[in-house]
Amino acid sequence: MSSLGSSLTNMSLTHMNLGEGTFVEAVRREVLDFHVFLTEWKTGRMDRDLGVVEARMRAFETNFRYITPGGVLRSVGALRLWFAEGHGADPSLNIEVRGFRILREHAEGALVFYEEHQHSKVNPSARISTAYFVPTKSQAVGEEPKIGAAWAHLHEAWLPDGKPKS
């Protein structure tokens, strides 16, 4: 895997002692997994398989909303289309997630904050992200239930001097 993996796994959860299988751990894992997927997809290191995109989209609620750093409201359908069109668009991309923390957690969900730094020769950027996750549960036959997390809302804003150069 690229240096992305080491950047993402160094995220710190400063105020919570997390055990495996908790909702908070599932949220942290989902943020990591999504950014690894995003990097692998956009660099083209992952094969262009729209079935993989569809599988990845299961981590998003059907009424998911994304507010881009430019203030545009997008749906899960727009995100799906963006993925389909963006495969291999930036071979130099490396994403670093910094400062991940849980802002609020309750039975119905969790609000998280992190910084996303996209290192790239094509379109470098830096943004702050606030995301809301809802718990999910799945269970394979003969196994214990598995706790998961689904994206319900994501709002990003450019960090100072982090907006892509036009």
N, C-alpha and C. Protein backbone atom coordinates (compact mmCIF):
# COMPACT_ATOMS: atom_id res chain seq x y z
N MET A 1 0.85 -1.17 0.00
CA MET A 1 0.00 0.00 0.00
C MET A 1 0.89 1.23 0.00
N SER A 2 0.38 2.34 -0.46
CA SER A 2 1.11 3.60 -0.53
C SER A 2 1.39 4.16 0.86
N SER A 3 2.08 5.30 0.90
CA SER A 3 2.34 5.95 2.18
C SER A 3 1.05 6.44 2.82
N LEU A 4 -0.03 6.43 2.09
CA LEU A 4 -1.33 6.82 2.63
C LEU A 4 -1.66 6.01 3.86
N GLY A 5 -1.46 4.71 3.78
CA GLY A 5 -1.82 3.84 4.90
C GLY A 5 -1.14 4.26 6.18
N SER A 6 0.15 4.60 6.13
CA SER A 6 0.84 5.00 7.34
C SER A 6 0.35 6.35 7.83
N SER A 7 0.01 7.26 6.93
CA SER A 7 -0.51 8.56 7.35
C SER A 7 -1.84 8.39 8.07
N LEU A 8 -2.70 7.55 7.54
CA LEU A 8 -4.02 7.40 8.12
C LEU A 8 -3.99 6.64 9.42
N THR A 9 -3.15 5.64 9.54
CA THR A 9 -3.15 4.86 10.76
C THR A 9 -2.54 5.62 11.92
N ASN A 10 -1.91 6.75 11.69
CA ASN A 10 -1.35 7.56 12.76
C ASN A 10 -2.37 8.52 13.35
N MET A 11 -3.64 8.43 12.91
CA MET A 11 -4.66 9.29 13.49
C MET A 11 -4.73 9.03 14.98
N SER A 12 -4.92 10.08 15.77
CA SER A 12 -4.99 9.87 17.21
C SER A 12 -6.40 10.13 17.72
N LEU A 13 -6.84 9.27 18.60
CA LEU A 13 -8.12 9.45 19.27
C LEU A 13 -7.75 9.79 20.71
N THR A 14 -7.58 11.08 20.97
CA THR A 14 -6.95 11.53 22.20
C THR A 14 -7.79 11.36 23.45
N HIS A 15 -9.10 11.45 23.35
CA HIS A 15 -9.90 11.48 24.58
C HIS A 15 -10.72 10.21 24.84
N MET A 16 -10.56 9.19 24.03
CA MET A 16 -11.36 8.00 24.25
C MET A 16 -10.50 6.74 24.16
N ASN A 17 -10.73 5.82 25.06
CA ASN A 17 -10.08 4.53 25.00
C ASN A 17 -11.02 3.59 24.27
N LEU A 18 -10.66 3.22 23.04
CA LEU A 18 -11.59 2.46 22.20
C LEU A 18 -11.29 0.98 22.25
N GLY A 19 -12.34 0.20 22.34
CA GLY A 19 -12.20 -1.23 22.23
C GLY A 19 -12.67 -1.69 20.87
N GLU A 20 -12.23 -2.86 20.43
CA GLU A 20 -12.67 -3.40 19.15
C GLU A 20 -14.18 -3.65 19.21
N GLY A 21 -14.86 -3.39 18.12
CA GLY A 21 -16.26 -3.70 18.03
C GLY A 21 -17.19 -2.59 18.50
N THR A 22 -16.67 -1.48 18.97
CA THR A 22 -17.55 -0.40 19.41
C THR A 22 -17.95 0.46 18.21
N PHE A 23 -19.04 1.20 18.38
CA PHE A 23 -19.49 2.11 17.32
C PHE A 23 -18.43 3.16 17.02
N VAL A 24 -17.83 3.71 18.05
CA VAL A 24 -16.80 4.74 17.85
C VAL A 24 -15.63 4.17 17.05
N GLU A 25 -15.25 2.95 17.33
CA GLU A 25 -14.18 2.30 16.57
C GLU A 25 -14.62 2.10 15.12
N ALA A 26 -15.88 1.75 14.90
CA ALA A 26 -16.39 1.57 13.54
C ALA A 26 -16.36 2.88 12.77
N VAL A 27 -16.67 3.99 13.43
CA VAL A 27 -16.60 5.31 12.80
C VAL A 27 -15.17 5.62 12.38
N ARG A 28 -14.24 5.44 13.30
CA ARG A 28 -12.82 5.70 13.01
C ARG A 28 -12.36 4.84 11.82
N ARG A 29 -12.73 3.57 11.86
CA ARG A 29 -12.35 2.64 10.80
C ARG A 29 -12.96 3.06 9.46
N GLU A 30 -14.20 3.53 9.47
CA GLU A 30 -14.86 3.96 8.23
C GLU A 30 -14.18 5.18 7.63
N VAL A 31 -13.80 6.15 8.46
CA VAL A 31 -13.08 7.32 7.95
C VAL A 31 -11.76 6.87 7.31
N LEU A 32 -11.04 6.00 7.96
CA LEU A 32 -9.78 5.47 7.41
C LEU A 32 -10.02 4.74 6.09
N ASP A 33 -10.97 3.79 6.11
CA ASP A 33 -11.23 2.97 4.93
C ASP A 33 -11.67 3.82 3.74
N PHE A 34 -12.51 4.83 4.00
CA PHE A 34 -12.98 5.67 2.91
C PHE A 34 -11.83 6.43 2.26
N HIS A 35 -10.93 6.98 3.05
CA HIS A 35 -9.84 7.76 2.48
C HIS A 35 -8.80 6.88 1.77
N VAL A 36 -8.64 5.67 2.24
CA VAL A 36 -7.78 4.71 1.52
C VAL A 36 -8.43 4.40 0.17
N PHE A 37 -9.73 4.10 0.17
CA PHE A 37 -10.45 3.83 -1.07
C PHE A 37 -10.36 5.02 -2.02
N LEU A 38 -10.62 6.22 -1.50
CA LEU A 38 -10.58 7.43 -2.33
C LEU A 38 -9.22 7.58 -3.01
N THR A 39 -8.15 7.36 -2.27
CA THR A 39 -6.82 7.47 -2.84
C THR A 39 -6.56 6.40 -3.90
N GLU A 40 -6.88 5.18 -3.57
CA GLU A 40 -6.63 4.07 -4.51
C GLU A 40 -7.44 4.25 -5.79
N TRP A 41 -8.68 4.73 -5.66
CA TRP A 41 -9.56 4.93 -6.82
C TRP A 41 -9.06 6.08 -7.68
N LYS A 42 -8.81 7.22 -7.05
CA LYS A 42 -8.44 8.42 -7.81
C LYS A 42 -7.05 8.30 -8.43
N THR A 43 -6.15 7.51 -7.84
CA THR A 43 -4.83 7.33 -8.44
C THR A 43 -4.85 6.29 -9.55
N GLY A 44 -5.89 5.47 -9.58
CA GLY A 44 -5.96 4.40 -10.57
C GLY A 44 -5.22 3.14 -10.13
N ARG A 45 -4.74 3.10 -8.88
CA ARG A 45 -4.06 1.90 -8.38
C ARG A 45 -5.06 0.76 -8.18
N MET A 46 -6.33 1.09 -8.11
CA MET A 46 -7.41 0.12 -8.00
C MET A 46 -8.04 -0.01 -9.38
N ASP A 47 -8.37 -1.22 -9.78
CA ASP A 47 -9.03 -1.42 -11.07
C ASP A 47 -10.34 -0.64 -11.13
N ARG A 48 -10.69 -0.17 -12.33
CA ARG A 48 -11.95 0.55 -12.51
C ARG A 48 -13.09 -0.46 -12.58
N ASP A 49 -13.64 -0.77 -11.44
CA ASP A 49 -14.72 -1.73 -11.31
C ASP A 49 -15.87 -1.02 -10.61
N LEU A 50 -16.93 -0.71 -11.35
CA LEU A 50 -18.05 0.03 -10.77
C LEU A 50 -18.77 -0.78 -9.70
N GLY A 51 -18.60 -2.09 -9.71
CA GLY A 51 -19.14 -2.92 -8.65
C GLY A 51 -18.48 -2.60 -7.31
N VAL A 52 -17.19 -2.27 -7.36
CA VAL A 52 -16.47 -1.88 -6.15
C VAL A 52 -17.03 -0.55 -5.63
N VAL A 53 -17.33 0.37 -6.54
CA VAL A 53 -17.92 1.65 -6.15
C VAL A 53 -19.27 1.40 -5.50
N GLU A 54 -20.09 0.56 -6.11
CA GLU A 54 -21.41 0.26 -5.53
C GLU A 54 -21.28 -0.34 -4.14
N ALA A 55 -20.33 -1.24 -3.96
CA ALA A 55 -20.10 -1.84 -2.64
C ALA A 55 -19.67 -0.77 -1.65
N ARG A 56 -18.81 0.13 -2.06
CA ARG A 56 -18.33 1.21 -1.18
C ARG A 56 -19.46 2.17 -0.82
N MET A 57 -20.37 2.37 -1.74
CA MET A 57 -21.47 3.31 -1.51
C MET A 57 -22.44 2.80 -0.44
N ARG A 58 -22.36 1.52 -0.10
CA ARG A 58 -23.21 0.99 0.96
C ARG A 58 -22.88 1.60 2.32
N ALA A 59 -21.72 2.26 2.42
CA ALA A 59 -21.33 2.92 3.67
C ALA A 59 -21.97 4.29 3.81
N PHE A 60 -22.86 4.65 2.87
CA PHE A 60 -23.53 5.94 2.90
C PHE A 60 -25.03 5.73 3.02
N GLU A 61 -25.67 6.49 3.91
CA GLU A 61 -27.12 6.46 4.02
C GLU A 61 -27.73 6.90 2.69
N THR A 62 -28.91 6.41 2.36
CA THR A 62 -29.55 6.79 1.10
C THR A 62 -29.88 8.28 1.04
N ASN A 63 -30.07 8.91 2.19
CA ASN A 63 -30.35 10.36 2.21
C ASN A 63 -29.10 11.17 2.58
N PHE A 64 -27.92 10.58 2.41
CA PHE A 64 -26.65 11.26 2.68
C PHE A 64 -26.57 12.58 1.94
N ARG A 65 -26.03 13.59 2.60
CA ARG A 65 -25.79 14.89 1.99
C ARG A 65 -24.35 15.30 2.25
N TYR A 66 -23.75 15.90 1.23
CA TYR A 66 -22.36 16.36 1.29
C TYR A 66 -22.34 17.83 0.90
N ILE A 67 -21.80 18.66 1.77
CA ILE A 67 -21.58 20.07 1.45
C ILE A 67 -20.10 20.21 1.14
N THR A 68 -19.80 20.53 -0.12
CA THR A 68 -18.42 20.64 -0.58
C THR A 68 -17.76 21.87 0.04
N PRO A 69 -16.42 21.94 -0.01
CA PRO A 69 -15.75 23.13 0.50
C PRO A 69 -16.18 24.42 -0.20
N GLY A 70 -16.69 24.29 -1.43
CA GLY A 70 -17.19 25.45 -2.16
C GLY A 70 -18.64 25.78 -1.87
N GLY A 71 -19.29 25.00 -0.98
CA GLY A 71 -20.66 25.29 -0.59
C GLY A 71 -21.73 24.63 -1.42
N VAL A 72 -21.39 23.68 -2.26
CA VAL A 72 -22.37 22.99 -3.11
C VAL A 72 -22.92 21.78 -2.36
N LEU A 73 -24.23 21.63 -2.33
CA LEU A 73 -24.88 20.50 -1.69
C LEU A 73 -24.98 19.35 -2.69
N ARG A 74 -24.48 18.17 -2.29
CA ARG A 74 -24.51 17.00 -3.17
C ARG A 74 -25.17 15.83 -2.47
N SER A 75 -25.79 14.98 -3.25
CA SER A 75 -26.45 13.78 -2.73
C SER A 75 -25.54 12.57 -2.90
N VAL A 76 -26.00 11.46 -2.38
CA VAL A 76 -25.25 10.22 -2.54
C VAL A 76 -25.17 9.83 -4.02
N GLY A 77 -26.20 10.15 -4.80
CA GLY A 77 -26.19 9.88 -6.24
C GLY A 77 -25.11 10.67 -6.95
N ALA A 78 -24.94 11.93 -6.57
CA ALA A 78 -23.89 12.77 -7.16
C ALA A 78 -22.51 12.23 -6.79
N LEU A 79 -22.37 11.74 -5.56
CA LEU A 79 -21.10 11.16 -5.14
C LEU A 79 -20.79 9.91 -5.96
N ARG A 80 -21.78 9.08 -6.18
CA ARG A 80 -21.62 7.86 -6.99
C ARG A 80 -21.15 8.22 -8.40
N LEU A 81 -21.76 9.22 -9.00
CA LEU A 81 -21.38 9.67 -10.34
C LEU A 81 -19.96 10.23 -10.35
N TRP A 82 -19.62 11.01 -9.33
CA TRP A 82 -18.27 11.57 -9.20
C TRP A 82 -17.22 10.47 -9.17
N PHE A 83 -17.51 9.40 -8.41
CA PHE A 83 -16.59 8.27 -8.38
C PHE A 83 -16.46 7.62 -9.74
N ALA A 84 -17.58 7.37 -10.38
CA ALA A 84 -17.56 6.70 -11.69
C ALA A 84 -16.73 7.47 -12.70
N GLU A 85 -16.80 8.81 -12.63
CA GLU A 85 -16.06 9.64 -13.59
C GLU A 85 -14.64 9.94 -13.17
N GLY A 86 -14.30 9.75 -11.89
CA GLY A 86 -13.01 10.19 -11.38
C GLY A 86 -11.92 9.15 -11.27
N HIS A 87 -12.17 7.95 -11.76
CA HIS A 87 -11.15 6.90 -11.63
C HIS A 87 -9.86 7.30 -12.34
N GLY A 88 -8.74 7.21 -11.63
CA GLY A 88 -7.43 7.48 -12.21
C GLY A 88 -7.17 8.95 -12.54
N ALA A 89 -8.01 9.85 -12.04
CA ALA A 89 -7.90 11.26 -12.39
C ALA A 89 -6.66 11.94 -11.82
N ASP A 90 -6.07 11.38 -10.77
CA ASP A 90 -4.92 12.02 -10.13
C ASP A 90 -3.93 10.97 -9.63
N PRO A 91 -3.04 10.48 -10.52
CA PRO A 91 -2.08 9.45 -10.12
C PRO A 91 -1.12 9.87 -9.01
N SER A 92 -0.97 11.17 -8.77
CA SER A 92 -0.03 11.65 -7.75
C SER A 92 -0.68 11.84 -6.37
N LEU A 93 -1.96 11.56 -6.24
CA LEU A 93 -2.69 11.85 -5.01
C LEU A 93 -2.21 11.01 -3.82
N ASN A 94 -2.07 11.67 -2.70
CA ASN A 94 -1.82 11.04 -1.41
C ASN A 94 -2.62 11.81 -0.38
N ILE A 95 -3.47 11.14 0.37
CA ILE A 95 -4.33 11.81 1.35
C ILE A 95 -3.83 11.52 2.75
N GLU A 96 -3.77 12.57 3.53
CA GLU A 96 -3.39 12.46 4.93
C GLU A 96 -4.54 12.99 5.77
N VAL A 97 -4.98 12.19 6.74
CA VAL A 97 -6.03 12.60 7.67
C VAL A 97 -5.35 12.94 8.99
N ARG A 98 -5.66 14.12 9.50
CA ARG A 98 -5.06 14.59 10.76
C ARG A 98 -6.14 15.01 11.74
N GLY A 99 -5.81 14.91 13.02
CA GLY A 99 -6.65 15.47 14.07
C GLY A 99 -8.02 14.86 14.23
N PHE A 100 -8.17 13.59 13.89
CA PHE A 100 -9.47 12.94 14.02
C PHE A 100 -9.91 12.94 15.48
N ARG A 101 -11.15 13.36 15.70
CA ARG A 101 -11.69 13.27 17.05
C ARG A 101 -13.22 13.17 17.01
N ILE A 102 -13.73 12.55 18.03
CA ILE A 102 -15.17 12.43 18.21
C ILE A 102 -15.63 13.69 18.94
N LEU A 103 -16.56 14.42 18.34
CA LEU A 103 -17.09 15.62 18.99
C LEU A 103 -18.26 15.29 19.90
N ARG A 104 -19.09 14.34 19.46
CA ARG A 104 -20.27 13.96 20.22
C ARG A 104 -20.66 12.55 19.81
N GLU A 105 -21.02 11.75 20.81
CA GLU A 105 -21.48 10.38 20.54
C GLU A 105 -22.72 10.11 21.38
N HIS A 106 -23.71 9.47 20.75
CA HIS A 106 -24.92 9.06 21.46
C HIS A 106 -25.47 7.83 20.75
N ALA A 107 -26.57 7.31 21.25
CA ALA A 107 -27.12 6.05 20.73
C ALA A 107 -27.48 6.11 19.25
N GLU A 108 -27.87 7.29 18.76
CA GLU A 108 -28.30 7.41 17.36
C GLU A 108 -27.19 7.79 16.40
N GLY A 109 -26.01 8.14 16.90
CA GLY A 109 -24.94 8.52 15.99
C GLY A 109 -23.76 9.16 16.65
N ALA A 110 -22.84 9.64 15.81
CA ALA A 110 -21.63 10.29 16.28
C ALA A 110 -21.24 11.40 15.31
N LEU A 111 -20.80 12.50 15.89
CA LEU A 111 -20.31 13.64 15.12
C LEU A 111 -18.80 13.66 15.26
N VAL A 112 -18.09 13.70 14.12
CA VAL A 112 -16.63 13.65 14.14
C VAL A 112 -16.05 14.84 13.39
N PHE A 113 -14.79 15.10 13.66
CA PHE A 113 -14.03 16.18 13.04
C PHE A 113 -12.68 15.62 12.61
N TYR A 114 -12.19 16.06 11.45
CA TYR A 114 -10.83 15.73 11.04
C TYR A 114 -10.39 16.70 9.96
N GLU A 115 -9.09 16.77 9.74
CA GLU A 115 -8.53 17.53 8.63
C GLU A 115 -8.14 16.54 7.54
N GLU A 116 -8.36 16.93 6.30
CA GLU A 116 -7.98 16.11 5.15
C GLU A 116 -7.01 16.92 4.29
N HIS A 117 -5.80 16.41 4.16
CA HIS A 117 -4.77 17.08 3.35
C HIS A 117 -4.52 16.22 2.12
N GLN A 118 -4.83 16.76 0.96
CA GLN A 118 -4.63 16.05 -0.30
C GLN A 118 -3.35 16.57 -0.95
N HIS A 119 -2.31 15.75 -0.88
CA HIS A 119 -1.03 16.08 -1.50
C HIS A 119 -1.09 15.58 -2.94
N SER A 120 -0.85 16.49 -3.89
CA SER A 120 -1.03 16.15 -5.29
C SER A 120 -0.30 17.14 -6.18
N LYS A 121 0.20 16.64 -7.30
CA LYS A 121 0.77 17.52 -8.32
C LYS A 121 -0.34 18.17 -9.13
N VAL A 122 -1.51 17.53 -9.18
CA VAL A 122 -2.63 18.01 -9.99
C VAL A 122 -3.46 19.06 -9.26
N ASN A 123 -3.87 18.75 -8.03
CA ASN A 123 -4.82 19.60 -7.33
C ASN A 123 -4.64 19.49 -5.81
N PRO A 124 -3.54 20.02 -5.25
CA PRO A 124 -3.34 19.91 -3.80
C PRO A 124 -4.39 20.74 -3.06
N SER A 125 -4.81 20.25 -1.91
CA SER A 125 -5.80 20.98 -1.11
C SER A 125 -5.73 20.53 0.34
N ALA A 126 -6.34 21.34 1.19
CA ALA A 126 -6.46 21.01 2.61
C ALA A 126 -7.82 21.52 3.08
N ARG A 127 -8.51 20.69 3.83
CA ARG A 127 -9.86 21.03 4.28
C ARG A 127 -10.12 20.49 5.67
N ILE A 128 -11.07 21.10 6.34
CA ILE A 128 -11.56 20.54 7.59
C ILE A 128 -12.88 19.86 7.28
N SER A 129 -13.13 18.77 7.96
CA SER A 129 -14.34 18.00 7.71
C SER A 129 -15.06 17.73 9.01
N THR A 130 -16.37 17.89 8.98
CA THR A 130 -17.24 17.49 10.08
C THR A 130 -18.23 16.49 9.47
N ALA A 131 -18.32 15.32 10.07
CA ALA A 131 -19.18 14.27 9.53
C ALA A 131 -20.05 13.68 10.63
N TYR A 132 -21.25 13.28 10.23
CA TYR A 132 -22.17 12.63 11.16
C TYR A 132 -22.38 11.19 10.68
N PHE A 133 -22.23 10.25 11.59
CA PHE A 133 -22.37 8.82 11.28
C PHE A 133 -23.50 8.23 12.10
N VAL A 134 -24.17 7.25 11.50
CA VAL A 134 -25.20 6.49 12.21
C VAL A 134 -24.74 5.04 12.32
N PRO A 135 -25.14 4.37 13.40
CA PRO A 135 -24.72 2.98 13.57
C PRO A 135 -25.45 2.03 12.63
N THR A 136 -24.75 1.00 12.23
CA THR A 136 -25.33 -0.08 11.43
C THR A 136 -24.97 -1.39 12.11
N LYS A 137 -25.69 -2.42 11.77
CA LYS A 137 -25.40 -3.74 12.34
C LYS A 137 -25.60 -4.76 11.24
N SER A 138 -24.65 -5.67 11.13
CA SER A 138 -24.78 -6.78 10.19
C SER A 138 -24.40 -8.05 10.92
N GLN A 139 -24.90 -9.15 10.40
CA GLN A 139 -24.62 -10.42 11.06
C GLN A 139 -24.61 -11.53 10.02
N ALA A 140 -23.48 -12.18 9.91
CA ALA A 140 -23.37 -13.35 9.06
C ALA A 140 -23.93 -14.55 9.83
N VAL A 141 -24.40 -15.54 9.10
CA VAL A 141 -24.96 -16.74 9.72
C VAL A 141 -23.91 -17.38 10.63
N GLY A 142 -24.31 -17.63 11.87
CA GLY A 142 -23.42 -18.29 12.82
C GLY A 142 -22.37 -17.39 13.45
N GLU A 143 -22.45 -16.09 13.22
CA GLU A 143 -21.46 -15.17 13.79
C GLU A 143 -22.14 -14.13 14.67
N GLU A 144 -21.34 -13.49 15.51
CA GLU A 144 -21.83 -12.40 16.34
C GLU A 144 -22.15 -11.19 15.46
N PRO A 145 -23.11 -10.34 15.88
CA PRO A 145 -23.39 -9.12 15.12
C PRO A 145 -22.15 -8.24 15.03
N LYS A 146 -22.01 -7.57 13.90
CA LYS A 146 -20.88 -6.67 13.69
C LYS A 146 -21.40 -5.24 13.66
N ILE A 147 -20.80 -4.39 14.48
CA ILE A 147 -21.18 -2.98 14.54
C ILE A 147 -20.48 -2.25 13.40
N GLY A 148 -21.21 -1.40 12.69
CA GLY A 148 -20.64 -0.60 11.63
C GLY A 148 -21.07 0.85 11.74
N ALA A 149 -20.66 1.65 10.78
CA ALA A 149 -21.00 3.07 10.77
C ALA A 149 -21.27 3.49 9.34
N ALA A 150 -22.34 4.26 9.14
CA ALA A 150 -22.68 4.77 7.82
C ALA A 150 -22.64 6.30 7.84
N TRP A 151 -22.11 6.87 6.75
CA TRP A 151 -22.07 8.31 6.59
C TRP A 151 -23.49 8.83 6.40
N ALA A 152 -23.89 9.81 7.21
CA ALA A 152 -25.19 10.45 7.05
C ALA A 152 -25.04 11.87 6.52
N HIS A 153 -23.95 12.53 6.88
CA HIS A 153 -23.74 13.92 6.46
C HIS A 153 -22.24 14.24 6.52
N LEU A 154 -21.79 15.04 5.56
CA LEU A 154 -20.39 15.49 5.53
C LEU A 154 -20.37 16.94 5.09
N HIS A 155 -19.67 17.76 5.86
CA HIS A 155 -19.53 19.18 5.54
C HIS A 155 -18.04 19.51 5.59
N GLU A 156 -17.52 20.05 4.48
CA GLU A 156 -16.10 20.38 4.41
C GLU A 156 -15.93 21.88 4.15
N ALA A 157 -14.82 22.41 4.62
CA ALA A 157 -14.46 23.81 4.38
C ALA A 157 -12.96 23.87 4.13
N TRP A 158 -12.55 24.77 3.25
CA TRP A 158 -11.12 24.91 2.96
C TRP A 158 -10.38 25.42 4.19
N LEU A 159 -9.21 24.85 4.43
CA LEU A 159 -8.31 25.42 5.42
C LEU A 159 -7.63 26.63 4.78
N PRO A 160 -7.14 27.58 5.57
CA PRO A 160 -6.46 28.73 4.98
C PRO A 160 -5.37 28.27 4.01
N ASP A 161 -5.36 28.84 2.84
CA ASP A 161 -4.42 28.49 1.77
C ASP A 161 -4.55 27.05 1.32
N GLY A 162 -5.67 26.37 1.68
CA GLY A 162 -5.85 24.99 1.29
C GLY A 162 -6.69 24.80 0.06
N LYS A 163 -7.30 25.89 -0.44
CA LYS A 163 -8.15 25.79 -1.62
C LYS A 163 -7.31 25.51 -2.85
N PRO A 164 -7.78 24.61 -3.70
CA PRO A 164 -7.03 24.31 -4.92
C PRO A 164 -6.77 25.57 -5.74
N LYS A 165 -5.61 25.63 -6.32
CA LYS A 165 -5.26 26.75 -7.19
C LYS A 165 -5.97 26.57 -8.53
N SER A 166 -6.56 27.66 -9.05
CA SER A 166 -7.26 27.53 -10.33
C SER A 166 -6.44 28.12 -11.46
